[in-house]
């Protein structure tokens, strides 16, 4: 990934926070037929340090767990908010006219060798953890135990676990750090007027980021 220094984010806790907030990752693996991509939700664990571990699961019918090259690193991409940035939002437009559109975004790349897990106890515990997290804010959270035991046992048998100890963790926060303060303020104002949730979320990233 092309990564100018002023867009680089290296704080592990910040990178983990983005994964936690946007857990639906793109898993890219190398197979005999070339690169393969799968899209699955992940959990991130801070251990072992410094970068932690990713965990997820795929359908047993998905060939990725048999076809991923055993000695090759996988890449998991976590995409945060992103949106078009209009040069009309820059106050410097009226001063020089030397402005162009761009695209702001926040992204994390996690690299590591995947390990696939065919263990019912591990899978049951992981599915319960994943479900409990995503149900936690609901007024009446659904639990795995709400379904018949034999049905859940059958569903657990239809998946394979995935664990990736993270060897490299790379963050790119392209949120107008290369613009002067007045342009950054213009970007925040413009994004907040756009209304879509992703635009408002990105305005917050721009507001909190540091200038170049």
Protein backbone atom coordinates (compact mmCIF):
# COMPACT_ATOMS: atom_id res chain seq x y z
CA UNK A 1 0.00 0.00 0.00
CA UNK A 2 1.29 3.43 -0.92
CA UNK A 3 1.77 5.21 2.42
CA UNK A 4 3.16 8.76 2.65
CA UNK A 5 4.54 9.33 6.14
CA UNK A 6 2.00 12.03 7.03
CA UNK A 7 -0.86 9.56 6.45
CA UNK A 8 0.67 6.72 8.50
CA UNK A 9 -0.97 5.59 11.76
CA UNK A 10 1.22 3.32 13.92
CA UNK A 11 -0.50 3.23 17.32
CA UNK A 12 -1.66 -0.36 17.80
CA UNK A 13 -4.53 0.62 20.10
CA UNK A 14 -5.86 3.01 17.44
CA UNK A 15 -5.58 0.38 14.72
CA UNK A 16 -7.33 -2.19 16.92
CA UNK A 17 -10.08 0.35 17.65
CA UNK A 18 -10.79 0.70 13.94
CA UNK A 19 -10.93 -3.08 13.51
CA UNK A 20 -13.32 -3.28 16.45
CA UNK A 21 -15.52 -0.54 14.99
CA UNK A 22 -15.40 -1.90 11.40
CA UNK A 23 -14.92 -5.67 11.90
CA UNK A 24 -16.06 -6.79 8.43
CA UNK A 25 -12.70 -7.54 6.81
CA UNK A 26 -11.54 -8.63 3.37
CA UNK A 27 -9.34 -11.72 3.72
CA UNK A 28 -6.89 -12.02 0.80
CA UNK A 29 -5.05 -15.34 0.48
CA UNK A 30 -2.67 -16.88 -2.02
CA UNK A 31 -3.82 -20.13 -3.66
CA UNK A 32 -2.52 -22.30 -6.49
CA UNK A 33 -4.93 -20.47 -8.77
CA UNK A 34 -3.79 -17.00 -7.68
CA UNK A 35 -5.18 -14.50 -5.20
CA UNK A 36 -8.53 -15.18 -3.51
CA UNK A 37 -10.67 -12.76 -1.48
CA UNK A 38 -13.32 -13.53 1.13
CA UNK A 39 -15.34 -11.11 3.23
CA UNK A 40 -15.95 -12.07 6.86
CA UNK A 41 -16.39 -10.47 10.31
CA UNK A 42 -13.40 -10.66 12.64
CA UNK A 43 -12.66 -10.32 16.31
CA UNK A 44 -9.31 -8.77 17.31
CA UNK A 45 -7.44 -9.81 20.45
CA UNK A 46 -4.55 -7.68 21.76
CA UNK A 47 -2.50 -10.79 22.60
CA UNK A 48 0.13 -11.73 21.78
CA UNK A 49 1.74 -8.32 21.65
CA UNK A 50 2.73 -6.21 19.88
CA UNK A 51 0.04 -6.66 17.19
CA UNK A 52 -2.39 -9.26 18.55
CA UNK A 53 -4.51 -11.90 16.81
CA UNK A 54 -7.46 -11.92 14.42
CA UNK A 55 -10.15 -14.60 14.69
CA UNK A 56 -13.06 -15.44 12.45
CA UNK A 57 -14.81 -18.30 10.69
CA UNK A 58 -15.76 -19.35 7.18
CA UNK A 59 -18.25 -21.85 5.75
CA UNK A 60 -16.92 -25.38 5.62
CA UNK A 61 -18.01 -25.40 1.97
CA UNK A 62 -15.69 -22.43 1.29
CA UNK A 63 -12.50 -23.87 -0.28
CA UNK A 64 -10.29 -21.15 1.23
CA UNK A 65 -9.42 -23.28 4.26
CA UNK A 66 -8.09 -26.05 2.00
CA UNK A 67 -6.60 -23.94 -0.77
CA UNK A 68 -4.78 -21.11 1.03
CA UNK A 69 -1.03 -21.56 0.65
CA UNK A 70 0.16 -22.88 4.04
CA UNK A 71 3.46 -20.97 4.08
CA UNK A 72 2.22 -17.64 2.72
CA UNK A 73 1.02 -14.62 4.65
CA UNK A 74 -2.59 -13.56 4.27
CA UNK A 75 -3.74 -9.95 4.16
CA UNK A 76 -6.89 -8.72 5.90
CA UNK A 77 -8.17 -5.28 4.92
CA UNK A 78 -10.42 -3.30 7.25
CA UNK A 79 -12.06 -0.28 5.62
CA UNK A 80 -13.25 2.58 7.78
CA UNK A 81 -15.27 5.59 6.58
CA UNK A 82 -14.47 7.06 3.18
CA UNK A 83 -15.88 9.77 0.96
CA UNK A 84 -15.23 12.22 -1.87
CA UNK A 85 -13.71 15.58 -0.87
CA UNK A 86 -14.80 18.58 -2.94
CA UNK A 87 -12.28 21.37 -3.58
CA UNK A 88 -15.20 23.79 -3.08
CA UNK A 89 -14.78 23.20 0.66
CA UNK A 90 -11.25 24.66 0.72
CA UNK A 91 -11.04 28.37 1.61
CA UNK A 92 -7.72 28.44 -0.28
CA UNK A 93 -9.72 27.87 -3.49
CA UNK A 94 -10.66 31.56 -3.51
CA UNK A 95 -7.05 32.57 -2.86
CA UNK A 96 -5.16 30.59 -5.52
CA UNK A 97 -7.60 28.30 -7.34
CA UNK A 98 -4.91 25.61 -7.07
CA UNK A 99 -7.06 22.85 -5.59
CA UNK A 100 -8.34 19.52 -6.88
CA UNK A 101 -10.78 16.86 -5.64
CA UNK A 102 -9.55 13.95 -3.57
CA UNK A 103 -10.87 11.01 -1.57
CA UNK A 104 -10.44 10.70 2.19
CA UNK A 105 -10.44 7.31 3.89
CA UNK A 106 -9.26 5.29 6.86
CA UNK A 107 -7.92 1.76 6.40
CA UNK A 108 -5.99 -0.93 8.28
CA UNK A 109 -4.01 -3.78 6.71
CA UNK A 110 -3.21 -6.80 8.90
CA UNK A 111 -0.69 -9.39 7.68
CA UNK A 112 -0.12 -12.86 9.09
CA UNK A 113 -0.09 -16.59 8.41
CA UNK A 114 -3.62 -18.02 8.75
CA UNK A 115 -4.40 -21.13 10.79
CA UNK A 116 -7.70 -22.91 10.14
CA UNK A 117 -9.37 -24.60 13.11
CA UNK A 118 -11.69 -27.62 12.88
CA UNK A 119 -12.63 -27.84 16.55
CA UNK A 120 -16.26 -27.72 17.65
CA UNK A 121 -15.54 -26.43 21.17
CA UNK A 122 -13.40 -23.59 19.78
CA UNK A 123 -16.00 -22.75 17.17
CA UNK A 124 -18.92 -22.79 19.62
CA UNK A 125 -17.08 -20.46 22.00
CA UNK A 126 -16.09 -18.12 19.18
CA UNK A 127 -19.59 -17.94 17.69
CA UNK A 128 -21.04 -17.16 21.12
CA UNK A 129 -18.46 -14.39 21.67
CA UNK A 130 -19.06 -12.88 18.24
CA UNK A 131 -22.83 -13.04 18.65
CA UNK A 132 -22.82 -11.60 22.16
CA UNK A 133 -20.75 -8.59 21.04
CA UNK A 134 -22.99 -7.70 18.13
CA UNK A 135 -26.21 -8.31 20.10
CA UNK A 136 -25.06 -6.43 23.22
CA UNK A 137 -26.72 -3.09 22.40
CA UNK A 138 -30.07 -4.56 21.43
CA UNK A 139 -32.93 -4.25 23.94
CA UNK A 140 -33.50 -8.01 23.85
CA UNK A 141 -30.19 -9.60 22.79
CA UNK A 142 -30.41 -12.91 20.98
CA UNK A 143 -28.18 -15.66 22.37
CA UNK A 144 -26.90 -18.83 20.75
CA UNK A 145 -28.70 -20.80 23.47
CA UNK A 146 -32.03 -19.36 22.25
CA UNK A 147 -31.91 -21.82 19.34
CA UNK A 148 -32.37 -25.61 19.71
CA UNK A 149 -29.14 -27.33 20.78
CA UNK A 150 -29.17 -29.87 17.93
CA UNK A 151 -29.70 -27.07 15.39
CA UNK A 152 -26.74 -25.05 16.73
CA UNK A 153 -24.60 -28.19 16.78
CA UNK A 154 -25.38 -28.73 13.10
CA UNK A 155 -24.60 -25.10 12.24
CA UNK A 156 -21.28 -25.23 14.12
CA UNK A 157 -20.40 -28.33 12.13
CA UNK A 158 -20.85 -26.32 8.92
CA UNK A 159 -18.08 -23.80 9.66
CA UNK A 160 -14.30 -23.73 10.06
CA UNK A 161 -12.44 -21.41 12.43
CA UNK A 162 -9.71 -19.01 11.39
CA UNK A 163 -6.93 -17.53 13.48
CA UNK A 164 -4.26 -15.10 12.23
CA UNK A 165 -1.44 -14.00 14.57
CA UNK A 166 -0.71 -10.51 13.24
CA UNK A 167 2.88 -10.14 12.03
CA UNK A 168 2.45 -6.65 10.51
CA UNK A 169 -0.20 -4.03 11.17
CA UNK A 170 -0.38 -0.99 8.89
CA UNK A 171 -2.73 1.96 9.18
CA UNK A 172 -3.44 4.71 6.66
CA UNK A 173 -5.44 7.72 7.83
CA UNK A 174 -5.88 9.92 4.75
CA UNK A 175 -7.92 12.64 6.43
CA UNK A 176 -6.66 15.96 5.04
CA UNK A 177 -3.49 16.15 7.18
CA UNK A 178 -1.71 17.64 4.15
CA UNK A 179 -4.07 20.65 4.00
CA UNK A 180 -3.72 23.90 6.00
CA UNK A 181 -5.95 24.36 9.07
CA UNK A 182 -8.52 26.52 7.28
CA UNK A 183 -8.99 23.90 4.56
CA UNK A 184 -9.32 21.13 7.14
CA UNK A 185 -12.03 23.14 8.89
CA UNK A 186 -13.73 23.59 5.51
CA UNK A 187 -13.63 19.83 4.93
CA UNK A 188 -15.25 19.16 8.31
CA UNK A 189 -18.01 21.71 7.60
CA UNK A 190 -18.58 20.34 4.10
CA UNK A 191 -18.76 16.73 5.27
CA UNK A 192 -21.21 17.56 8.06
CA UNK A 193 -23.51 19.14 5.47
CA UNK A 194 -23.37 16.00 3.31
CA UNK A 195 -25.66 14.13 5.74
CA UNK A 196 -24.65 10.46 5.04
CA UNK A 197 -23.36 8.66 8.11
CA UNK A 198 -20.01 7.87 6.48
CA UNK A 199 -19.42 11.56 5.71
CA UNK A 200 -20.16 12.58 9.30
CA UNK A 201 -17.89 9.82 10.60
CA UNK A 202 -15.07 10.95 8.35
CA UNK A 203 -15.54 14.56 9.47
CA UNK A 204 -14.77 13.33 12.98
CA UNK A 205 -11.56 11.65 11.78
CA UNK A 206 -10.47 14.87 10.05
CA UNK A 207 -11.25 16.91 13.16
CA UNK A 208 -9.21 14.60 15.43
CA UNK A 209 -6.24 14.03 13.13
CA UNK A 210 -2.99 15.96 13.22
CA UNK A 211 -1.73 18.20 10.46
CA UNK A 212 1.33 17.24 8.45
